């Protein structure tokens, strides 16, 4: 958890790409979970 938290909070890293994040959600989580009605 601490490792991933450091990755997310790394201020020197590129900005997150939300469109790619939604793609990853559709591949990993969307089969089971709804988010924003999908």
ModelCIF file with pLDDT and N, C-alpha, C, O atoms, coordinates in Angstrom:
data_MODEL
#
_entry.id   MODEL 
#
_entity.id                         1 
_entity.type                       polymer 
_entity.pdbx_number_of_molecules   1 
#
_entity_poly.entity_id                      1 
_entity_poly.type                           'polypeptide(L)' 
_entity_poly.nstd_linkage                   no 
_entity_poly.nstd_monomer                   no 
_entity_poly.pdbx_seq_one_letter_code       
;(UNK)(UNK)(UNK)(UNK)(UNK)(UNK)(UNK)(UNK)(UNK)(UNK)(UNK)(UNK)(UNK)(UNK)(UNK)(UNK)
(UNK)(UNK)(UNK)(UNK)(UNK)(UNK)(UNK)(UNK)(UNK)(UNK)(UNK)(UNK)(UNK)(UNK)(UNK)(UNK)
(UNK)(UNK)(UNK)(UNK)(UNK)(UNK)
;
_entity_poly.pdbx_seq_one_letter_code_can   XXXXXXXXXXXXXXXXXXXXXXXXXXXXXXXXXXXXXX 
_entity_poly.pdbx_strand_id                 A 
#
loop_
_entity_poly_seq.entity_id 
_entity_poly_seq.num 
_entity_poly_seq.mon_id 
_entity_poly_seq.hetero 
1 1  UNK n 
1 2  UNK n 
1 3  UNK n 
1 4  UNK n 
1 5  UNK n 
1 6  UNK n 
1 7  UNK n 
1 8  UNK n 
1 9  UNK n 
1 10 UNK n 
1 11 UNK n 
1 12 UNK n 
1 13 UNK n 
1 14 UNK n 
1 15 UNK n 
1 16 UNK n 
1 17 UNK n 
1 18 UNK n 
1 19 UNK n 
1 20 UNK n 
1 21 UNK n 
1 22 UNK n 
1 23 UNK n 
1 24 UNK n 
1 25 UNK n 
1 26 UNK n 
1 27 UNK n 
1 28 UNK n 
1 29 UNK n 
1 30 UNK n 
1 31 UNK n 
1 32 UNK n 
1 33 UNK n 
1 34 UNK n 
1 35 UNK n 
1 36 UNK n 
1 37 UNK n 
1 38 UNK n 
#
_struct_asym.id          A 
_struct_asym.entity_id   1 
#
loop_
_ma_qa_metric.id 
_ma_qa_metric.mode 
_ma_qa_metric.name 
_ma_qa_metric.software_group_id 
_ma_qa_metric.type 
1 global pLDDT . pLDDT 
2 local  pLDDT . pLDDT 
#
_ma_qa_metric_global.metric_id      1 
_ma_qa_metric_global.metric_value   93.50 
_ma_qa_metric_global.model_id       1 
_ma_qa_metric_global.ordinal_id     1 
#
loop_
_ma_qa_metric_local.label_asym_id 
_ma_qa_metric_local.label_comp_id 
_ma_qa_metric_local.label_seq_id 
_ma_qa_metric_local.metric_id 
_ma_qa_metric_local.metric_value 
_ma_qa_metric_local.model_id 
_ma_qa_metric_local.ordinal_id 
A UNK 1  2 92.00 1 1  
A UNK 2  2 94.00 1 2  
A UNK 3  2 95.00 1 3  
A UNK 4  2 96.00 1 4  
A UNK 5  2 96.00 1 5  
A UNK 6  2 97.00 1 6  
A UNK 7  2 97.00 1 7  
A UNK 8  2 97.00 1 8  
A UNK 9  2 97.00 1 9  
A UNK 10 2 96.00 1 10 
A UNK 11 2 94.00 1 11 
A UNK 12 2 96.00 1 12 
A UNK 13 2 96.00 1 13 
A UNK 14 2 96.00 1 14 
A UNK 15 2 96.00 1 15 
A UNK 16 2 97.00 1 16 
A UNK 17 2 96.00 1 17 
A UNK 18 2 96.00 1 18 
A UNK 19 2 96.00 1 19 
A UNK 20 2 97.00 1 20 
A UNK 21 2 97.00 1 21 
A UNK 22 2 96.00 1 22 
A UNK 23 2 95.00 1 23 
A UNK 24 2 95.00 1 24 
A UNK 25 2 94.00 1 25 
A UNK 26 2 92.00 1 26 
A UNK 27 2 89.00 1 27 
A UNK 28 2 87.00 1 28 
A UNK 29 2 89.00 1 29 
A UNK 30 2 90.00 1 30 
A UNK 31 2 84.00 1 31 
A UNK 32 2 85.00 1 32 
A UNK 33 2 89.00 1 33 
A UNK 34 2 91.00 1 34 
A UNK 35 2 93.00 1 35 
A UNK 36 2 92.00 1 36 
A UNK 37 2 89.00 1 37 
A UNK 38 2 89.00 1 38 
#
loop_
_atom_site.group_PDB 
_atom_site.id 
_atom_site.type_symbol 
_atom_site.label_atom_id 
_atom_site.label_alt_id 
_atom_site.label_comp_id 
_atom_site.label_asym_id 
_atom_site.label_entity_id 
_atom_site.label_seq_id 
_atom_site.pdbx_PDB_ins_code 
_atom_site.Cartn_x 
_atom_site.Cartn_y 
_atom_site.Cartn_z 
_atom_site.occupancy 
_atom_site.B_iso_or_equiv 
_atom_site.pdbx_formal_charge 
_atom_site.auth_seq_id 
_atom_site.auth_comp_id 
_atom_site.auth_asym_id 
_atom_site.auth_atom_id 
_atom_site.pdbx_PDB_model_num 
ATOM 1   N N  . UNK A 1 1  ? 0.839   -1.206 0.000   1.00 92.00 ? 1  UNK A N  1 
ATOM 2   C CA . UNK A 1 1  ? 0.000   0.000  0.000   1.00 92.00 ? 1  UNK A CA 1 
ATOM 3   C C  . UNK A 1 1  ? 0.867   1.246  0.000   1.00 92.00 ? 1  UNK A C  1 
ATOM 4   O O  . UNK A 1 1  ? 0.605   2.181  -0.757  1.00 92.00 ? 1  UNK A O  1 
ATOM 5   N N  . UNK A 1 2  ? 1.885   1.274  0.828   1.00 94.00 ? 2  UNK A N  1 
ATOM 6   C CA . UNK A 1 2  ? 2.776   2.438  0.895   1.00 94.00 ? 2  UNK A CA 1 
ATOM 7   C C  . UNK A 1 2  ? 3.525   2.627  -0.424  1.00 94.00 ? 2  UNK A C  1 
ATOM 8   O O  . UNK A 1 2  ? 3.748   3.757  -0.857  1.00 94.00 ? 2  UNK A O  1 
ATOM 9   N N  . UNK A 1 3  ? 3.911   1.528  -1.055  1.00 95.00 ? 3  UNK A N  1 
ATOM 10  C CA . UNK A 1 3  ? 4.602   1.620  -2.350  1.00 95.00 ? 3  UNK A CA 1 
ATOM 11  C C  . UNK A 1 3  ? 3.709   2.291  -3.389  1.00 95.00 ? 3  UNK A C  1 
ATOM 12  O O  . UNK A 1 3  ? 4.143   3.203  -4.092  1.00 95.00 ? 3  UNK A O  1 
ATOM 13  N N  . UNK A 1 4  ? 2.456   1.835  -3.484  1.00 96.00 ? 4  UNK A N  1 
ATOM 14  C CA . UNK A 1 4  ? 1.545   2.412  -4.474  1.00 96.00 ? 4  UNK A CA 1 
ATOM 15  C C  . UNK A 1 4  ? 1.168   3.851  -4.113  1.00 96.00 ? 4  UNK A C  1 
ATOM 16  O O  . UNK A 1 4  ? 0.955   4.685  -4.993  1.00 96.00 ? 4  UNK A O  1 
ATOM 17  N N  . UNK A 1 5  ? 1.087   4.127  -2.826  1.00 96.00 ? 5  UNK A N  1 
ATOM 18  C CA . UNK A 1 5  ? 0.780   5.495  -2.402  1.00 96.00 ? 5  UNK A CA 1 
ATOM 19  C C  . UNK A 1 5  ? 1.888   6.447  -2.838  1.00 96.00 ? 5  UNK A C  1 
ATOM 20  O O  . UNK A 1 5  ? 1.612   7.557  -3.294  1.00 96.00 ? 5  UNK A O  1 
ATOM 21  N N  . UNK A 1 6  ? 3.136   6.016  -2.699  1.00 97.00 ? 6  UNK A N  1 
ATOM 22  C CA . UNK A 1 6  ? 4.264   6.847  -3.133  1.00 97.00 ? 6  UNK A CA 1 
ATOM 23  C C  . UNK A 1 6  ? 4.240   7.060  -4.645  1.00 97.00 ? 6  UNK A C  1 
ATOM 24  O O  . UNK A 1 6  ? 4.567   8.147  -5.122  1.00 97.00 ? 6  UNK A O  1 
ATOM 25  N N  . UNK A 1 7  ? 3.860   6.043  -5.391  1.00 97.00 ? 7  UNK A N  1 
ATOM 26  C CA . UNK A 1 7  ? 3.767   6.167  -6.851  1.00 97.00 ? 7  UNK A CA 1 
ATOM 27  C C  . UNK A 1 7  ? 2.715   7.202  -7.231  1.00 97.00 ? 7  UNK A C  1 
ATOM 28  O O  . UNK A 1 7  ? 2.951   8.046  -8.095  1.00 97.00 ? 7  UNK A O  1 
ATOM 29  N N  . UNK A 1 8  ? 1.555   7.135  -6.584  1.00 97.00 ? 8  UNK A N  1 
ATOM 30  C CA . UNK A 1 8  ? 0.461   8.051  -6.904  1.00 97.00 ? 8  UNK A CA 1 
ATOM 31  C C  . UNK A 1 8  ? 0.801   9.488  -6.520  1.00 97.00 ? 8  UNK A C  1 
ATOM 32  O O  . UNK A 1 8  ? 0.447   10.422 -7.240  1.00 97.00 ? 8  UNK A O  1 
ATOM 33  N N  . UNK A 1 9  ? 1.485   9.671  -5.394  1.00 97.00 ? 9  UNK A N  1 
ATOM 34  C CA . UNK A 1 9  ? 1.756   11.025 -4.884  1.00 97.00 ? 9  UNK A CA 1 
ATOM 35  C C  . UNK A 1 9  ? 3.074   11.611 -5.391  1.00 97.00 ? 9  UNK A C  1 
ATOM 36  O O  . UNK A 1 9  ? 3.472   12.697 -4.970  1.00 97.00 ? 9  UNK A O  1 
ATOM 37  N N  . UNK A 1 10 ? 3.743   10.908 -6.279  1.00 96.00 ? 10 UNK A N  1 
ATOM 38  C CA . UNK A 1 10 ? 5.019   11.387 -6.822  1.00 96.00 ? 10 UNK A CA 1 
ATOM 39  C C  . UNK A 1 10 ? 4.797   12.652 -7.656  1.00 96.00 ? 10 UNK A C  1 
ATOM 40  O O  . UNK A 1 10 ? 4.223   12.587 -8.744  1.00 96.00 ? 10 UNK A O  1 
ATOM 41  N N  . UNK A 1 11 ? 5.247   13.789 -7.152  1.00 94.00 ? 11 UNK A N  1 
ATOM 42  C CA . UNK A 1 11 ? 5.001   15.079 -7.817  1.00 94.00 ? 11 UNK A CA 1 
ATOM 43  C C  . UNK A 1 11 ? 5.833   15.249 -9.080  1.00 94.00 ? 11 UNK A C  1 
ATOM 44  O O  . UNK A 1 11 ? 5.525   16.111 -9.903  1.00 94.00 ? 11 UNK A O  1 
ATOM 45  N N  . UNK A 1 12 ? 6.871   14.453 -9.251  1.00 96.00 ? 12 UNK A N  1 
ATOM 46  C CA . UNK A 1 12 ? 7.724   14.571 -10.434 1.00 96.00 ? 12 UNK A CA 1 
ATOM 47  C C  . UNK A 1 12 ? 7.221   13.706 -11.601 1.00 96.00 ? 12 UNK A C  1 
ATOM 48  O O  . UNK A 1 12 ? 7.753   13.784 -12.709 1.00 96.00 ? 12 UNK A O  1 
ATOM 49  N N  . UNK A 1 13 ? 6.214   12.899 -11.350 1.00 96.00 ? 13 UNK A N  1 
ATOM 50  C CA . UNK A 1 13 ? 5.693   11.998 -12.386 1.00 96.00 ? 13 UNK A CA 1 
ATOM 51  C C  . UNK A 1 13 ? 4.772   12.754 -13.333 1.00 96.00 ? 13 UNK A C  1 
ATOM 52  O O  . UNK A 1 13 ? 4.236   13.799 -12.965 1.00 96.00 ? 13 UNK A O  1 
ATOM 53  N N  . UNK A 1 14 ? 4.577   12.241 -14.554 1.00 96.00 ? 14 UNK A N  1 
ATOM 54  C CA . UNK A 1 14 ? 3.628   12.864 -15.485 1.00 96.00 ? 14 UNK A CA 1 
ATOM 55  C C  . UNK A 1 14 ? 2.218   12.892 -14.898 1.00 96.00 ? 14 UNK A C  1 
ATOM 56  O O  . UNK A 1 14 ? 1.871   12.083 -14.038 1.00 96.00 ? 14 UNK A O  1 
ATOM 57  N N  . UNK A 1 15 ? 1.410   13.845 -15.383 1.00 96.00 ? 15 UNK A N  1 
ATOM 58  C CA . UNK A 1 15 ? 0.021   13.938 -14.928 1.00 96.00 ? 15 UNK A CA 1 
ATOM 59  C C  . UNK A 1 15 ? -0.747  12.674 -15.321 1.00 96.00 ? 15 UNK A C  1 
ATOM 60  O O  . UNK A 1 15 ? -0.490  12.097 -16.378 1.00 96.00 ? 15 UNK A O  1 
ATOM 61  N N  . UNK A 1 16 ? -1.692  12.241 -14.472 1.00 97.00 ? 16 UNK A N  1 
ATOM 62  C CA . UNK A 1 16 ? -2.493  11.068 -14.827 1.00 97.00 ? 16 UNK A CA 1 
ATOM 63  C C  . UNK A 1 16 ? -3.340  11.320 -16.068 1.00 97.00 ? 16 UNK A C  1 
ATOM 64  O O  . UNK A 1 16 ? -3.810  12.433 -16.301 1.00 97.00 ? 16 UNK A O  1 
ATOM 65  N N  . UNK A 1 17 ? -3.523  10.280 -16.848 1.00 96.00 ? 17 UNK A N  1 
ATOM 66  C CA . UNK A 1 17 ? -4.360  10.315 -18.046 1.00 96.00 ? 17 UNK A CA 1 
ATOM 67  C C  . UNK A 1 17 ? -5.678  9.630  -17.697 1.00 96.00 ? 17 UNK A C  1 
ATOM 68  O O  . UNK A 1 17 ? -5.743  8.403  -17.625 1.00 96.00 ? 17 UNK A O  1 
ATOM 69  N N  . UNK A 1 18 ? -6.726  10.421 -17.480 1.00 96.00 ? 18 UNK A N  1 
ATOM 70  C CA . UNK A 1 18 ? -8.002  9.871  -17.031 1.00 96.00 ? 18 UNK A CA 1 
ATOM 71  C C  . UNK A 1 18 ? -8.632  8.960  -18.080 1.00 96.00 ? 18 UNK A C  1 
ATOM 72  O O  . UNK A 1 18 ? -9.256  7.956  -17.735 1.00 96.00 ? 18 UNK A O  1 
ATOM 73  N N  . UNK A 1 19 ? -8.472  9.304  -19.365 1.00 96.00 ? 19 UNK A N  1 
ATOM 74  C CA . UNK A 1 19 ? -9.044  8.463  -20.423 1.00 96.00 ? 19 UNK A CA 1 
ATOM 75  C C  . UNK A 1 19 ? -8.401  7.079  -20.415 1.00 96.00 ? 19 UNK A C  1 
ATOM 76  O O  . UNK A 1 19 ? -9.080  6.073  -20.620 1.00 96.00 ? 19 UNK A O  1 
ATOM 77  N N  . UNK A 1 20 ? -7.091  7.032  -20.178 1.00 97.00 ? 20 UNK A N  1 
ATOM 78  C CA . UNK A 1 20 ? -6.410  5.744  -20.081 1.00 97.00 ? 20 UNK A CA 1 
ATOM 79  C C  . UNK A 1 20 ? -6.790  5.041  -18.779 1.00 97.00 ? 20 UNK A C  1 
ATOM 80  O O  . UNK A 1 20 ? -6.893  3.814  -18.744 1.00 97.00 ? 20 UNK A O  1 
ATOM 81  N N  . UNK A 1 21 ? -6.999  5.812  -17.709 1.00 97.00 ? 21 UNK A N  1 
ATOM 82  C CA . UNK A 1 21 ? -7.450  5.226  -16.454 1.00 97.00 ? 21 UNK A CA 1 
ATOM 83  C C  . UNK A 1 21 ? -8.805  4.553  -16.597 1.00 97.00 ? 21 UNK A C  1 
ATOM 84  O O  . UNK A 1 21 ? -9.033  3.482  -16.034 1.00 97.00 ? 21 UNK A O  1 
ATOM 85  N N  . UNK A 1 22 ? -9.712  5.185  -17.355 1.00 96.00 ? 22 UNK A N  1 
ATOM 86  C CA . UNK A 1 22 ? -11.016 4.552  -17.579 1.00 96.00 ? 22 UNK A CA 1 
ATOM 87  C C  . UNK A 1 22 ? -10.866 3.289  -18.418 1.00 96.00 ? 22 UNK A C  1 
ATOM 88  O O  . UNK A 1 22 ? -11.577 2.308  -18.198 1.00 96.00 ? 22 UNK A O  1 
ATOM 89  N N  . UNK A 1 23 ? -9.941  3.307  -19.384 1.00 95.00 ? 23 UNK A N  1 
ATOM 90  C CA . UNK A 1 23 ? -9.676  2.096  -20.169 1.00 95.00 ? 23 UNK A CA 1 
ATOM 91  C C  . UNK A 1 23 ? -9.208  0.963  -19.254 1.00 95.00 ? 23 UNK A C  1 
ATOM 92  O O  . UNK A 1 23 ? -9.685  -0.166 -19.375 1.00 95.00 ? 23 UNK A O  1 
ATOM 93  N N  . UNK A 1 24 ? -8.280  1.252  -18.342 1.00 95.00 ? 24 UNK A N  1 
ATOM 94  C CA . UNK A 1 24 ? -7.788  0.227  -17.420 1.00 95.00 ? 24 UNK A CA 1 
ATOM 95  C C  . UNK A 1 24 ? -8.909  -0.278 -16.514 1.00 95.00 ? 24 UNK A C  1 
ATOM 96  O O  . UNK A 1 24 ? -8.989  -1.472 -16.224 1.00 95.00 ? 24 UNK A O  1 
ATOM 97  N N  . UNK A 1 25 ? -9.770  0.630  -16.070 1.00 94.00 ? 25 UNK A N  1 
ATOM 98  C CA . UNK A 1 25 ? -10.929 0.230  -15.252 1.00 94.00 ? 25 UNK A CA 1 
ATOM 99  C C  . UNK A 1 25 ? -11.815 -0.732 -16.036 1.00 94.00 ? 25 UNK A C  1 
ATOM 100 O O  . UNK A 1 25 ? -12.284 -1.731 -15.491 1.00 94.00 ? 25 UNK A O  1 
ATOM 101 N N  . UNK A 1 26 ? -12.045 -0.433 -17.316 1.00 92.00 ? 26 UNK A N  1 
ATOM 102 C CA . UNK A 1 26 ? -12.904 -1.306 -18.126 1.00 92.00 ? 26 UNK A CA 1 
ATOM 103 C C  . UNK A 1 26 ? -12.292 -2.686 -18.304 1.00 92.00 ? 26 UNK A C  1 
ATOM 104 O O  . UNK A 1 26 ? -13.014 -3.673 -18.446 1.00 92.00 ? 26 UNK A O  1 
ATOM 105 N N  . UNK A 1 27 ? -10.962 -2.764 -18.296 1.00 89.00 ? 27 UNK A N  1 
ATOM 106 C CA . UNK A 1 27 ? -10.282 -4.045 -18.489 1.00 89.00 ? 27 UNK A CA 1 
ATOM 107 C C  . UNK A 1 27 ? -10.153 -4.836 -17.191 1.00 89.00 ? 27 UNK A C  1 
ATOM 108 O O  . UNK A 1 27 ? -10.094 -6.065 -17.218 1.00 89.00 ? 27 UNK A O  1 
ATOM 109 N N  . UNK A 1 28 ? -10.110 -4.139 -16.054 1.00 87.00 ? 28 UNK A N  1 
ATOM 110 C CA . UNK A 1 28 ? -9.778  -4.773 -14.777 1.00 87.00 ? 28 UNK A CA 1 
ATOM 111 C C  . UNK A 1 28 ? -10.956 -4.870 -13.817 1.00 87.00 ? 28 UNK A C  1 
ATOM 112 O O  . UNK A 1 28 ? -11.120 -5.887 -13.143 1.00 87.00 ? 28 UNK A O  1 
ATOM 113 N N  . UNK A 1 29 ? -11.769 -3.839 -13.747 1.00 89.00 ? 29 UNK A N  1 
ATOM 114 C CA . UNK A 1 29 ? -12.769 -3.721 -12.680 1.00 89.00 ? 29 UNK A CA 1 
ATOM 115 C C  . UNK A 1 29 ? -14.213 -3.753 -13.176 1.00 89.00 ? 29 UNK A C  1 
ATOM 116 O O  . UNK A 1 29 ? -15.115 -4.167 -12.447 1.00 89.00 ? 29 UNK A O  1 
ATOM 117 N N  . UNK A 1 30 ? -14.426 -3.321 -14.403 1.00 90.00 ? 30 UNK A N  1 
ATOM 118 C CA . UNK A 1 30 ? -15.781 -3.053 -14.880 1.00 90.00 ? 30 UNK A CA 1 
ATOM 119 C C  . UNK A 1 30 ? -16.631 -4.314 -15.016 1.00 90.00 ? 30 UNK A C  1 
ATOM 120 O O  . UNK A 1 30 ? -17.859 -4.232 -14.985 1.00 90.00 ? 30 UNK A O  1 
ATOM 121 N N  . UNK A 1 31 ? -15.999 -5.478 -15.167 1.00 84.00 ? 31 UNK A N  1 
ATOM 122 C CA . UNK A 1 31 ? -16.780 -6.705 -15.270 1.00 84.00 ? 31 UNK A CA 1 
ATOM 123 C C  . UNK A 1 31 ? -17.605 -6.935 -14.008 1.00 84.00 ? 31 UNK A C  1 
ATOM 124 O O  . UNK A 1 31 ? -18.663 -7.564 -14.049 1.00 84.00 ? 31 UNK A O  1 
ATOM 125 N N  . UNK A 1 32 ? -17.107 -6.417 -12.888 1.00 85.00 ? 32 UNK A N  1 
ATOM 126 C CA . UNK A 1 32 ? -17.765 -6.684 -11.597 1.00 85.00 ? 32 UNK A CA 1 
ATOM 127 C C  . UNK A 1 32 ? -18.397 -5.442 -10.979 1.00 85.00 ? 32 UNK A C  1 
ATOM 128 O O  . UNK A 1 32 ? -19.449 -5.540 -10.346 1.00 85.00 ? 32 UNK A O  1 
ATOM 129 N N  . UNK A 1 33 ? -17.776 -4.277 -11.150 1.00 89.00 ? 33 UNK A N  1 
ATOM 130 C CA . UNK A 1 33 ? -18.211 -3.070 -10.448 1.00 89.00 ? 33 UNK A CA 1 
ATOM 131 C C  . UNK A 1 33 ? -18.782 -2.030 -11.407 1.00 89.00 ? 33 UNK A C  1 
ATOM 132 O O  . UNK A 1 33 ? -18.321 -1.876 -12.538 1.00 89.00 ? 33 UNK A O  1 
ATOM 133 N N  . UNK A 1 34 ? -19.801 -1.324 -10.920 1.00 91.00 ? 34 UNK A N  1 
ATOM 134 C CA . UNK A 1 34 ? -20.312 -0.167 -11.651 1.00 91.00 ? 34 UNK A CA 1 
ATOM 135 C C  . UNK A 1 34 ? -19.656 1.101  -11.129 1.00 91.00 ? 34 UNK A C  1 
ATOM 136 O O  . UNK A 1 34 ? -19.433 1.255  -9.928  1.00 91.00 ? 34 UNK A O  1 
ATOM 137 N N  . UNK A 1 35 ? -19.350 2.012  -12.060 1.00 93.00 ? 35 UNK A N  1 
ATOM 138 C CA . UNK A 1 35 ? -18.899 3.355  -11.719 1.00 93.00 ? 35 UNK A CA 1 
ATOM 139 C C  . UNK A 1 35 ? -19.527 4.308  -12.720 1.00 93.00 ? 35 UNK A C  1 
ATOM 140 O O  . UNK A 1 35 ? -19.371 4.134  -13.928 1.00 93.00 ? 35 UNK A O  1 
ATOM 141 N N  . UNK A 1 36 ? -20.232 5.306  -12.228 1.00 92.00 ? 36 UNK A N  1 
ATOM 142 C CA . UNK A 1 36 ? -20.966 6.258  -13.060 1.00 92.00 ? 36 UNK A CA 1 
ATOM 143 C C  . UNK A 1 36 ? -21.947 5.532  -13.993 1.00 92.00 ? 36 UNK A C  1 
ATOM 144 O O  . UNK A 1 36 ? -22.108 5.916  -15.151 1.00 92.00 ? 36 UNK A O  1 
ATOM 145 N N  . UNK A 1 37 ? -22.594 4.487  -13.479 1.00 89.00 ? 37 UNK A N  1 
ATOM 146 C CA . UNK A 1 37 ? -23.642 3.801  -14.237 1.00 89.00 ? 37 UNK A CA 1 
ATOM 147 C C  . UNK A 1 37 ? -23.164 2.805  -15.259 1.00 89.00 ? 37 UNK A C  1 
ATOM 148 O O  . UNK A 1 37 ? -23.978 2.250  -15.997 1.00 89.00 ? 37 UNK A O  1 
ATOM 149 N N  . UNK A 1 38 ? -21.851 2.554  -15.332 1.00 89.00 ? 38 UNK A N  1 
ATOM 150 C CA . UNK A 1 38 ? -21.305 1.623  -16.319 1.00 89.00 ? 38 UNK A CA 1 
ATOM 151 C C  . UNK A 1 38 ? -20.611 0.481  -15.588 1.00 89.00 ? 38 UNK A C  1 
ATOM 152 O O  . UNK A 1 38 ? -20.075 -0.425 -16.226 1.00 89.00 ? 38 UNK A O  1 
#
